Amino acid sequence: MRPVLKLIRPHQYLKNGFVLLGPLFAHKWDPGTLALTLLAFFAFCSMASAVYILNDILDIEADRAHPVKRNRPLPSGTISLRLAKILLGTLIFSSVMLSTLTSWWVLLCVISYLAINILYSWRLKHIVILDVFIISAGFMLRILAGTVGLGIAPSAWLLLCGLMVTLFLGFAKRRAELLMLESSDYENSNLTRRVLDDYSPQMLEQFISVTAACTIIAYGLYTVSPQTVAIHGSDNLIYTLPFVVYGIFRYLYLLHRRAKGNDTAKDLAQDPHLLTTVMAWVGITLWVLS
């Protein structure tokens, strides 16, 4: 069972929390909407695991030559290729069924998520800058599934903040990969992403600075927007801004001083400061919006 869990990566399901943002900030907390939201959430969980398995199948030979990835269930032989393909088909089928039960828009978002990940694995992951935008697009599809897919009009602020924070995390991931290369003993470029050859530390630091600043500014402007105050009936959302700022600064600290950034979900779960910050932000946001 443990190798299967390592293959489907359930800790990554934290990323599917983007599906919950639409109902949260739209005040759609009725039981019917929440039930549909959970269906959409689990649909993305199933499809995300399917994508991880698909990537592992496609990269199995390269992973066997990698000093770290060779320990994954497929390249190590802990799980057979046949079992992986069965799990892949089962997860895709489950995701499609859950999406269909939710809405056709959610189904479209889930199928689009699968399609862009196939294109990403096939070619787009080798195209500098576009590779990170494709990663961000996966998160934006989660937001759209939690808004349009549930009959909720997506807020322009929600889309803008979502875009900026996911680009920030994407470029931070690339920077973490470069930092790992700088501190490693192997120099074989075949063991790393080819796209890293097109990035430089200075370029990524600029991209990270721009997207981090845009995230903070966009969220700050959202909290004081007259439209936001009118919708929520309160101007207290501004008090959640310090948690966003601290969370971004903490993540940058982990990136540069603790060799983190490769796995956002794992970093969140393992760092008590970051986890407490996110929980405090959620708690205060719920208190303000309730």
C-alpha atoms as a PDB file:
ATOM      1  CA  MET A   1       0.000   0.000   0.000  1.00  0.00           C
ATOM      2  CA  ARG A   2       2.838   2.385   0.822  1.00  0.00           C
ATOM      3  CA  PRO A   3       4.372   2.222  -2.701  1.00  0.00           C
ATOM      4  CA  VAL A   4       0.928   2.969  -4.175  1.00  0.00           C
ATOM      5  CA  LEU A   5       0.619   6.039  -1.950  1.00  0.00           C
ATOM      6  CA  LYS A   6       4.084   7.167  -3.030  1.00  0.00           C
ATOM      7  CA  LEU A   7       3.006   6.737  -6.640  1.00  0.00           C
ATOM      8  CA  ILE A   8      -0.247   8.725  -6.416  1.00  0.00           C
ATOM      9  CA  ARG A   9       1.246  11.394  -4.060  1.00  0.00           C
ATOM     10  CA  PRO A  10      -1.797  12.202  -1.869  1.00  0.00           C
ATOM     11  CA  HIS A  11       0.117  14.948  -0.018  1.00  0.00           C
ATOM     12  CA  GLN A  12      -0.131  16.953  -3.243  1.00  0.00           C
ATOM     13  CA  TYR A  13      -3.916  17.138  -2.825  1.00  0.00           C
ATOM     14  CA  LEU A  14      -3.338  20.327  -0.823  1.00  0.00           C
ATOM     15  CA  LYS A  15      -2.928  22.073  -4.178  1.00  0.00           C
ATOM     16  CA  ASN A  16      -6.515  21.198  -5.054  1.00  0.00           C
ATOM     17  CA  GLY A  17      -7.600  23.521  -2.267  1.00  0.00           C
ATOM     18  CA  PHE A  18      -7.727  26.183  -4.993  1.00  0.00           C
ATOM     19  CA  VAL A  19     -11.097  24.643  -5.906  1.00  0.00           C
ATOM     20  CA  LEU A  20     -12.437  25.809  -2.525  1.00  0.00           C
ATOM     21  CA  LEU A  21     -11.543  29.475  -2.984  1.00  0.00           C
ATOM     22  CA  GLY A  22     -14.542  30.323  -5.177  1.00  0.00           C
ATOM     23  CA  PRO A  23     -17.258  29.237  -2.726  1.00  0.00           C
ATOM     24  CA  LEU A  24     -15.278  30.694   0.189  1.00  0.00           C
ATOM     25  CA  PHE A  25     -14.991  34.227  -1.162  1.00  0.00           C
ATOM     26  CA  ALA A  26     -18.409  34.173  -2.868  1.00  0.00           C
ATOM     27  CA  HIS A  27     -20.195  33.275   0.393  1.00  0.00           C
ATOM     28  CA  LYS A  28     -21.641  30.148  -1.218  1.00  0.00           C
ATOM     29  CA  TRP A  29     -21.639  27.953   1.876  1.00  0.00           C
ATOM     30  CA  ASP A  30     -24.974  26.209   1.477  1.00  0.00           C
ATOM     31  CA  PRO A  31     -24.955  22.378   1.723  1.00  0.00           C
ATOM     32  CA  GLY A  32     -25.702  21.870  -1.988  1.00  0.00           C
ATOM     33  CA  THR A  33     -22.804  24.045  -3.142  1.00  0.00           C
ATOM     34  CA  LEU A  34     -20.428  22.538  -0.586  1.00  0.00           C
ATOM     35  CA  ALA A  35     -21.335  19.015  -1.744  1.00  0.00           C
ATOM     36  CA  LEU A  36     -20.601  19.941  -5.369  1.00  0.00           C
ATOM     37  CA  THR A  37     -17.383  21.634  -4.289  1.00  0.00           C
ATOM     38  CA  LEU A  38     -16.201  18.434  -2.629  1.00  0.00           C
ATOM     39  CA  LEU A  39     -17.024  16.441  -5.772  1.00  0.00           C
ATOM     40  CA  ALA A  40     -14.963  18.885  -7.857  1.00  0.00           C
ATOM     41  CA  PHE A  41     -12.145  18.715  -5.292  1.00  0.00           C
ATOM     42  CA  PHE A  42     -11.974  14.905  -5.399  1.00  0.00           C
ATOM     43  CA  ALA A  43     -12.255  14.940  -9.196  1.00  0.00           C
ATOM     44  CA  PHE A  44      -9.075  17.012  -9.335  1.00  0.00           C
ATOM     45  CA  CYS A  45      -7.434  14.790  -6.712  1.00  0.00           C
ATOM     46  CA  SER A  46      -8.041  11.737  -8.908  1.00  0.00           C
ATOM     47  CA  MET A  47      -6.869  13.469 -12.074  1.00  0.00           C
ATOM     48  CA  ALA A  48      -3.792  14.923 -10.369  1.00  0.00           C
ATOM     49  CA  SER A  49      -2.747  11.449  -9.205  1.00  0.00           C
ATOM     50  CA  ALA A  50      -3.376  10.115 -12.714  1.00  0.00           C
ATOM     51  CA  VAL A  51      -1.094  12.811 -14.141  1.00  0.00           C
ATOM     52  CA  TYR A  52       1.670  11.912 -11.663  1.00  0.00           C
ATOM     53  CA  ILE A  53       1.430   8.261 -12.682  1.00  0.00           C
ATOM     54  CA  LEU A  54       1.425   9.172 -16.392  1.00  0.00           C
ATOM     55  CA  ASN A  55       4.547  11.313 -15.935  1.00  0.00           C
ATOM     56  CA  ASP A  56       6.285   8.498 -14.044  1.00  0.00           C
ATOM     57  CA  ILE A  57       5.439   6.041 -16.835  1.00  0.00           C
ATOM     58  CA  LEU A  58       6.744   8.375 -19.529  1.00  0.00           C
ATOM     59  CA  ASP A  59       9.919   9.203 -17.567  1.00  0.00           C
ATOM     60  CA  ILE A  60      10.636   5.721 -16.231  1.00  0.00           C
ATOM     61  CA  GLU A  61      13.878   5.211 -18.155  1.00  0.00           C
ATOM     62  CA  ALA A  62      15.244   8.661 -17.324  1.00  0.00           C
ATOM     63  CA  ASP A  63      14.243   8.247 -13.669  1.00  0.00           C
ATOM     64  CA  ARG A  64      16.213   4.986 -13.438  1.00  0.00           C
ATOM     65  CA  ALA A  65      19.373   6.964 -14.177  1.00  0.00           C
ATOM     66  CA  HIS A  66      18.527   9.755 -11.737  1.00  0.00           C
ATOM     67  CA  PRO A  67      20.238   9.643  -8.297  1.00  0.00           C
ATOM     68  CA  VAL A  68      17.003  10.537  -6.450  1.00  0.00           C
ATOM     69  CA  LYS A  69      14.101   9.637  -8.743  1.00  0.00           C
ATOM     70  CA  ARG A  70      15.370   6.083  -9.238  1.00  0.00           C
ATOM     71  CA  ASN A  71      13.940   5.322  -5.782  1.00  0.00           C
ATOM     72  CA  ARG A  72      10.376   6.055  -6.922  1.00  0.00           C
ATOM     73  CA  PRO A  73       8.025   3.032  -7.087  1.00  0.00           C
ATOM     74  CA  LEU A  74       8.082   2.608 -10.880  1.00  0.00           C
ATOM     75  CA  PRO A  75      11.794   2.983 -11.729  1.00  0.00           C
ATOM     76  CA  SER A  76      12.763   0.963  -8.641  1.00  0.00           C
ATOM     77  CA  GLY A  77      10.420  -1.856  -9.649  1.00  0.00           C
ATOM     78  CA  THR A  78       8.412  -1.715  -6.418  1.00  0.00           C
ATOM     79  CA  ILE A  79       5.287  -1.304  -8.544  1.00  0.00           C
ATOM     80  CA  SER A  80       4.923  -3.001 -11.916  1.00  0.00           C
ATOM     81  CA  LEU A  81       4.197  -1.062 -15.080  1.00  0.00           C
ATOM     82  CA  ARG A  82       0.993  -3.068 -15.552  1.00  0.00           C
ATOM     83  CA  LEU A  83      -0.336  -2.092 -12.114  1.00  0.00           C
ATOM     84  CA  ALA A  84       0.576   1.544 -12.745  1.00  0.00           C
ATOM     85  CA  LYS A  85      -1.415   1.532 -15.996  1.00  0.00           C
ATOM     86  CA  ILE A  86      -4.426  -0.025 -14.229  1.00  0.00           C
ATOM     87  CA  LEU A  87      -4.268   2.670 -11.546  1.00  0.00           C
ATOM     88  CA  LEU A  88      -3.931   5.331 -14.231  1.00  0.00           C
ATOM     89  CA  GLY A  89      -7.078   4.177 -16.038  1.00  0.00           C
ATOM     90  CA  THR A  90      -9.026   3.825 -12.797  1.00  0.00           C
ATOM     91  CA  LEU A  91      -8.135   7.305 -11.592  1.00  0.00           C
ATOM     92  CA  ILE A  92      -8.999   8.947 -14.916  1.00  0.00           C
ATOM     93  CA  PHE A  93     -12.346   7.132 -14.995  1.00  0.00           C
ATOM     94  CA  SER A  94     -13.080   8.165 -11.390  1.00  0.00           C
ATOM     95  CA  SER A  95     -12.203  11.777 -12.116  1.00  0.00           C
ATOM     96  CA  VAL A  96     -14.457  11.899 -15.185  1.00  0.00           C
ATOM     97  CA  MET A  97     -17.369  10.350 -13.269  1.00  0.00           C
ATOM     98  CA  LEU A  98     -17.013  12.764 -10.335  1.00  0.00           C
ATOM     99  CA  SER A  99     -16.762  15.707 -12.730  1.00  0.00           C
ATOM    100  CA  THR A 100     -19.857  14.616 -14.636  1.00  0.00           C
ATOM    101  CA  LEU A 101     -21.796  14.454 -11.369  1.00  0.00           C
ATOM    102  CA  THR A 102     -20.743  18.028 -10.617  1.00  0.00           C
ATOM    103  CA  SER A 103     -21.187  19.892 -13.919  1.00  0.00           C
ATOM    104  CA  TRP A 104     -20.090  19.879 -17.538  1.00  0.00           C
ATOM    105  CA  TRP A 105     -17.869  22.883 -16.817  1.00  0.00           C
ATOM    106  CA  VAL A 106     -15.982  20.942 -14.149  1.00  0.00           C
ATOM    107  CA  LEU A 107     -15.615  18.057 -16.602  1.00  0.00           C
ATOM    108  CA  LEU A 108     -14.192  20.488 -19.170  1.00  0.00           C
ATOM    109  CA  CYS A 109     -11.719  21.864 -16.601  1.00  0.00           C
ATOM    110  CA  VAL A 110     -10.587  18.376 -15.576  1.00  0.00           C
ATOM    111  CA  ILE A 111     -10.165  17.182 -19.179  1.00  0.00           C
ATOM    112  CA  SER A 112      -8.297  20.418 -20.003  1.00  0.00           C
ATOM    113  CA  TYR A 113      -6.053  19.796 -17.000  1.00  0.00           C
ATOM    114  CA  LEU A 114      -5.196  16.338 -18.326  1.00  0.00           C
ATOM    115  CA  ALA A 115      -4.613  17.688 -21.849  1.00  0.00           C
ATOM    116  CA  ILE A 116      -2.241  20.484 -20.829  1.00  0.00           C
ATOM    117  CA  ASN A 117      -0.275  18.085 -18.639  1.00  0.00           C
ATOM    118  CA  ILE A 118       0.126  15.663 -21.530  1.00  0.00           C
ATOM    119  CA  LEU A 119       1.372  18.551 -23.692  1.00  0.00           C
ATOM    120  CA  TYR A 120       3.591  19.679 -20.824  1.00  0.00           C
ATOM    121  CA  SER A 121       5.177  16.241 -20.455  1.00  0.00           C
ATOM    122  CA  TRP A 122       5.544  15.828 -24.224  1.00  0.00           C
ATOM    123  CA  ARG A 123       7.099  19.177 -25.168  1.00  0.00           C
ATOM    124  CA  LEU A 124       6.045  22.299 -23.258  1.00  0.00           C
ATOM    125  CA  LYS A 125       8.137  21.551 -20.163  1.00  0.00           C
ATOM    126  CA  HIS A 126      11.217  22.216 -22.287  1.00  0.00           C
ATOM    127  CA  ILE A 127      10.163  25.762 -23.280  1.00  0.00           C
ATOM    128  CA  VAL A 128      11.554  28.409 -20.950  1.00  0.00           C
ATOM    129  CA  ILE A 129       8.984  30.608 -19.097  1.00  0.00           C
ATOM    130  CA  LEU A 130       6.086  28.890 -20.874  1.00  0.00           C
ATOM    131  CA  ASP A 131       6.750  25.820 -18.715  1.00  0.00           C
ATOM    132  CA  VAL A 132       5.899  27.790 -15.568  1.00  0.00           C
ATOM    133  CA  PHE A 133       2.842  29.378 -17.186  1.00  0.00           C
ATOM    134  CA  ILE A 134       1.561  25.873 -17.976  1.00  0.00           C
ATOM    135  CA  ILE A 135       1.972  24.894 -14.322  1.00  0.00           C
ATOM    136  CA  SER A 136       0.076  28.049 -13.358  1.00  0.00           C
ATOM    137  CA  ALA A 137      -2.662  27.187 -15.864  1.00  0.00           C
ATOM    138  CA  GLY A 138      -3.306  23.967 -13.962  1.00  0.00           C
ATOM    139  CA  PHE A 139      -4.044  25.972 -10.830  1.00  0.00           C
ATOM    140  CA  MET A 140      -6.217  28.438 -12.735  1.00  0.00           C
ATOM    141  CA  LEU A 141      -8.308  25.512 -13.997  1.00  0.00           C
ATOM    142  CA  ARG A 142      -8.852  24.499 -10.373  1.00  0.00           C
ATOM    143  CA  ILE A 143     -10.078  28.017  -9.582  1.00  0.00           C
ATOM    144  CA  LEU A 144     -12.395  27.998 -12.616  1.00  0.00           C
ATOM    145  CA  ALA A 145     -13.760  24.594 -11.591  1.00  0.00           C
ATOM    146  CA  GLY A 146     -14.566  26.053  -8.171  1.00  0.00           C
ATOM    147  CA  THR A 147     -16.269  29.099  -9.674  1.00  0.00           C
ATOM    148  CA  VAL A 148     -17.687  28.690 -13.184  1.00  0.00           C
ATOM    149  CA  GLY A 149     -18.052  24.944 -12.606  1.00  0.00           C
ATOM    150  CA  LEU A 150     -20.294  25.630  -9.611  1.00  0.00           C
ATOM    151  CA  GLY A 151     -22.267  28.467 -11.153  1.00  0.00           C
ATOM    152  CA  ILE A 152     -20.235  31.167  -9.383  1.00  0.00           C
ATOM    153  CA  ALA A 153     -18.997  34.196 -11.316  1.00  0.00           C
ATOM    154  CA  PRO A 154     -15.194  34.240 -10.937  1.00  0.00           C
ATOM    155  CA  SER A 155     -13.870  37.412  -9.338  1.00  0.00           C
ATOM    156  CA  ALA A 156     -11.235  39.250 -11.365  1.00  0.00           C
ATOM    157  CA  TRP A 157      -9.287  39.708  -8.116  1.00  0.00           C
ATOM    158  CA  LEU A 158      -9.374  35.977  -7.402  1.00  0.00           C
ATOM    159  CA  LEU A 159      -8.073  35.164 -10.872  1.00  0.00           C
ATOM    160  CA  LEU A 160      -5.353  37.823 -10.658  1.00  0.00           C
ATOM    161  CA  CYS A 161      -4.145  36.749  -7.202  1.00  0.00           C
ATOM    162  CA  GLY A 162      -4.288  33.096  -8.237  1.00  0.00           C
ATOM    163  CA  LEU A 163      -2.219  33.758 -11.345  1.00  0.00           C
ATOM    164  CA  MET A 164       0.447  35.749  -9.506  1.00  0.00           C
ATOM    165  CA  VAL A 165       0.894  33.365  -6.573  1.00  0.00           C
ATOM    166  CA  THR A 166       1.105  30.285  -8.806  1.00  0.00           C
ATOM    167  CA  LEU A 167       3.659  31.953 -11.083  1.00  0.00           C
ATOM    168  CA  PHE A 168       5.633  32.847  -7.953  1.00  0.00           C
ATOM    169  CA  LEU A 169       5.580  29.221  -6.768  1.00  0.00           C
ATOM    170  CA  GLY A 170       6.474  27.967 -10.252  1.00  0.00           C
ATOM    171  CA  PHE A 171       9.524  30.202 -10.646  1.00  0.00           C
ATOM    172  CA  ALA A 172      10.545  29.431  -7.058  1.00  0.00           C
ATOM    173  CA  LYS A 173      10.469  25.730  -7.958  1.00  0.00           C
ATOM    174  CA  ARG A 174      12.801  26.339 -10.887  1.00  0.00           C
ATOM    175  CA  ARG A 175      15.121  28.333  -8.625  1.00  0.00           C
ATOM    176  CA  ALA A 176      15.119  25.467  -6.118  1.00  0.00           C
ATOM    177  CA  GLU A 177      16.111  23.063  -8.886  1.00  0.00           C
ATOM    178  CA  LEU A 178      19.009  25.319  -9.883  1.00  0.00           C
ATOM    179  CA  LEU A 179      20.116  25.597  -6.263  1.00  0.00           C
ATOM    180  CA  MET A 180      20.043  21.806  -6.004  1.00  0.00           C
ATOM    181  CA  LEU A 181      22.280  21.559  -9.079  1.00  0.00           C
ATOM    182  CA  GLU A 182      24.689  24.127  -7.672  1.00  0.00           C
ATOM    183  CA  SER A 183      25.084  22.121  -4.462  1.00  0.00           C
ATOM    184  CA  SER A 184      25.186  18.654  -6.049  1.00  0.00           C
ATOM    185  CA  ASP A 185      28.166  16.605  -7.147  1.00  0.00           C
ATOM    186  CA  TYR A 186      26.802  15.417 -10.469  1.00  0.00           C
ATOM    187  CA  GLU A 187      26.967  17.466 -13.659  1.00  0.00           C
ATOM    188  CA  ASN A 188      25.157  15.223 -16.115  1.00  0.00           C
ATOM    189  CA  SER A 189      22.520  17.451 -17.727  1.00  0.00           C
ATOM    190  CA  ASN A 190      20.579  14.360 -18.808  1.00  0.00           C
ATOM    191  CA  LEU A 191      19.597  13.868 -15.164  1.00  0.00           C
ATOM    192  CA  THR A 192      17.914  17.269 -14.912  1.00  0.00           C
ATOM    193  CA  ARG A 193      15.292  19.308 -16.750  1.00  0.00           C
ATOM    194  CA  ARG A 194      16.615  20.558 -20.078  1.00  0.00           C
ATOM    195  CA  VAL A 195      14.769  23.824 -19.572  1.00  0.00           C
ATOM    196  CA  LEU A 196      17.098  24.679 -16.665  1.00  0.00           C
ATOM    197  CA  ASP A 197      19.808  25.365 -19.236  1.00  0.00           C
ATOM    198  CA  ASP A 198      17.761  28.368 -20.386  1.00  0.00           C
ATOM    199  CA  TYR A 199      17.262  29.794 -16.913  1.00  0.00           C
ATOM    200  CA  SER A 200      19.840  31.675 -14.883  1.00  0.00           C
ATOM    201  CA  PRO A 201      19.789  32.435 -11.142  1.00  0.00           C
ATOM    202  CA  GLN A 202      19.620  36.175 -11.826  1.00  0.00           C
ATOM    203  CA  MET A 203      16.693  35.805 -14.238  1.00  0.00           C
ATOM    204  CA  LEU A 204      14.725  33.611 -11.837  1.00  0.00           C
ATOM    205  CA  GLU A 205      15.377  35.955  -8.914  1.00  0.00           C
ATOM    206  CA  GLN A 206      13.862  38.786 -10.970  1.00  0.00           C
ATOM    207  CA  PHE A 207      10.843  36.698 -11.943  1.00  0.00           C
ATOM    208  CA  ILE A 208      10.345  35.653  -8.315  1.00  0.00           C
ATOM    209  CA  SER A 209      10.627  39.249  -7.077  1.00  0.00           C
ATOM    210  CA  VAL A 210       8.109  40.534  -9.631  1.00  0.00           C
ATOM    211  CA  THR A 211       5.532  37.806  -9.016  1.00  0.00           C
ATOM    212  CA  ALA A 212       5.916  37.998  -5.216  1.00  0.00           C
ATOM    213  CA  ALA A 213       5.402  41.771  -5.299  1.00  0.00           C
ATOM    214  CA  CYS A 214       2.427  41.437  -7.651  1.00  0.00           C
ATOM    215  CA  THR A 215       0.857  38.815  -5.378  1.00  0.00           C
ATOM    216  CA  ILE A 216       1.119  41.054  -2.321  1.00  0.00           C
ATOM    217  CA  ILE A 217      -0.107  44.169  -4.155  1.00  0.00           C
ATOM    218  CA  ALA A 218      -2.991  42.367  -5.880  1.00  0.00           C
ATOM    219  CA  TYR A 219      -4.178  40.767  -2.645  1.00  0.00           C
ATOM    220  CA  GLY A 220      -3.791  44.030  -0.739  1.00  0.00           C
ATOM    221  CA  LEU A 221      -5.826  45.945  -3.321  1.00  0.00           C
ATOM    222  CA  TYR A 222      -8.452  43.192  -3.269  1.00  0.00           C
ATOM    223  CA  THR A 223      -8.931  43.486   0.500  1.00  0.00           C
ATOM    224  CA  VAL A 224      -9.636  47.251   0.307  1.00  0.00           C
ATOM    225  CA  SER A 225     -11.576  47.226  -2.960  1.00  0.00           C
ATOM    226  CA  PRO A 226     -15.050  48.842  -2.616  1.00  0.00           C
ATOM    227  CA  GLN A 227     -16.497  45.811  -4.413  1.00  0.00           C
ATOM    228  CA  THR A 228     -14.921  43.474  -1.843  1.00  0.00           C
ATOM    229  CA  VAL A 229     -16.177  45.528   1.079  1.00  0.00           C
ATOM    230  CA  ALA A 230     -19.683  45.589  -0.434  1.00  0.00           C
ATOM    231  CA  ILE A 231     -19.760  41.825  -1.034  1.00  0.00           C
ATOM    232  CA  HIS A 232     -18.469  40.847   2.402  1.00  0.00           C
ATOM    233  CA  GLY A 233     -20.018  43.699   4.339  1.00  0.00           C
ATOM    234  CA  SER A 234     -16.712  44.339   6.105  1.00  0.00           C
ATOM    235  CA  ASP A 235     -13.421  46.111   5.513  1.00  0.00           C
ATOM    236  CA  ASN A 236     -11.553  43.870   7.970  1.00  0.00           C
ATOM    237  CA  LEU A 237     -10.120  41.563   5.316  1.00  0.00           C
ATOM    238  CA  ILE A 238      -7.109  43.877   5.217  1.00  0.00           C
ATOM    239  CA  TYR A 239      -6.005  42.286   8.517  1.00  0.00           C
ATOM    240  CA  THR A 240      -5.246  39.054   6.660  1.00  0.00           C
ATOM    241  CA  LEU A 241      -2.630  40.793   4.487  1.00  0.00           C
ATOM    242  CA  PRO A 242       0.258  40.475   7.006  1.00  0.00           C
ATOM    243  CA  PHE A 243      -0.151  36.694   6.928  1.00  0.00           C
ATOM    244  CA  VAL A 244       0.147  36.677   3.129  1.00  0.00           C
ATOM    245  CA  VAL A 245       3.273  38.849   3.271  1.00  0.00           C
ATOM    246  CA  TYR A 246       4.849  36.745   6.027  1.00  0.00           C
ATOM    247  CA  GLY A 247       3.997  33.518   4.182  1.00  0.00           C
ATOM    248  CA  ILE A 248       5.739  34.695   1.014  1.00  0.00           C
ATOM    249  CA  PHE A 249       8.785  35.918   2.924  1.00  0.00           C
ATOM    250  CA  ARG A 250       8.961  32.653   4.870  1.00  0.00           C
ATOM    251  CA  TYR A 251       8.785  30.666   1.637  1.00  0.00           C
ATOM    252  CA  LEU A 252      11.669  32.691   0.202  1.00  0.00           C
ATOM    253  CA  TYR A 253      13.655  32.009   3.371  1.00  0.00           C
ATOM    254  CA  LEU A 254      12.999  28.262   3.038  1.00  0.00           C
ATOM    255  CA  LEU A 255      14.025  28.429  -0.617  1.00  0.00           C
ATOM    256  CA  HIS A 256      17.384  30.075   0.000  1.00  0.00           C
ATOM    257  CA  ARG A 257      18.344  28.887   3.481  1.00  0.00           C
ATOM    258  CA  ARG A 258      16.681  25.491   3.888  1.00  0.00           C
ATOM    259  CA  ALA A 259      16.961  24.033   0.352  1.00  0.00           C
ATOM    260  CA  LYS A 260      13.170  23.926  -0.012  1.00  0.00           C
ATOM    261  CA  GLY A 261      10.906  24.902  -2.900  1.00  0.00           C
ATOM    262  CA  ASN A 262      10.859  21.683  -4.933  1.00  0.00           C
ATOM    263  CA  ASP A 263       7.634  20.454  -3.345  1.00  0.00           C
ATOM    264  CA  THR A 264       5.278  23.184  -2.110  1.00  0.00           C
ATOM    265  CA  ALA A 265       2.814  20.800  -0.456  1.00  0.00           C
ATOM    266  CA  LYS A 266       5.575  19.014   1.477  1.00  0.00           C
ATOM    267  CA  ASP A 267       7.193  22.318   2.459  1.00  0.00           C
ATOM    268  CA  LEU A 268       3.875  23.529   3.846  1.00  0.00           C
ATOM    269  CA  ALA A 269       3.305  20.350   5.846  1.00  0.00           C
ATOM    270  CA  GLN A 270       6.848  20.194   7.237  1.00  0.00           C
ATOM    271  CA  ASP A 271       7.466  23.826   8.174  1.00  0.00           C
ATOM    272  CA  PRO A 272       5.550  24.784  11.354  1.00  0.00           C
ATOM    273  CA  HIS A 273       5.916  28.518  10.686  1.00  0.00           C
ATOM    274  CA  LEU A 274       4.436  28.272   7.200  1.00  0.00           C
ATOM    275  CA  LEU A 275       1.712  25.876   8.307  1.00  0.00           C
ATOM    276  CA  THR A 276       0.713  28.109  11.226  1.00  0.00           C
ATOM    277  CA  THR A 277       0.640  31.137   8.929  1.00  0.00           C
ATOM    278  CA  VAL A 278      -1.680  29.443   6.440  1.00  0.00           C
ATOM    279  CA  MET A 279      -3.955  28.166   9.197  1.00  0.00           C
ATOM    280  CA  ALA A 280      -4.100  31.627  10.779  1.00  0.00           C
ATOM    281  CA  TRP A 281      -4.928  33.178   7.397  1.00  0.00           C
ATOM    282  CA  VAL A 282      -7.735  30.661   6.844  1.00  0.00           C
ATOM    283  CA  GLY A 283      -9.090  31.154  10.352  1.00  0.00           C
ATOM    284  CA  ILE A 284      -9.115  34.950  10.234  1.00  0.00           C
ATOM    285  CA  THR A 285     -10.534  34.951   6.707  1.00  0.00           C
ATOM    286  CA  LEU A 286     -13.403  32.694   7.804  1.00  0.00           C
ATOM    287  CA  TRP A 287     -13.999  34.926  10.832  1.00  0.00           C
ATOM    288  CA  VAL A 288     -14.121  38.080   8.697  1.00  0.00           C
ATOM    289  CA  LEU A 289     -16.366  36.551   6.036  1.00  0.00           C
ATOM    290  CA  SER A 290     -18.788  34.874   8.440  1.00  0.00           C
END
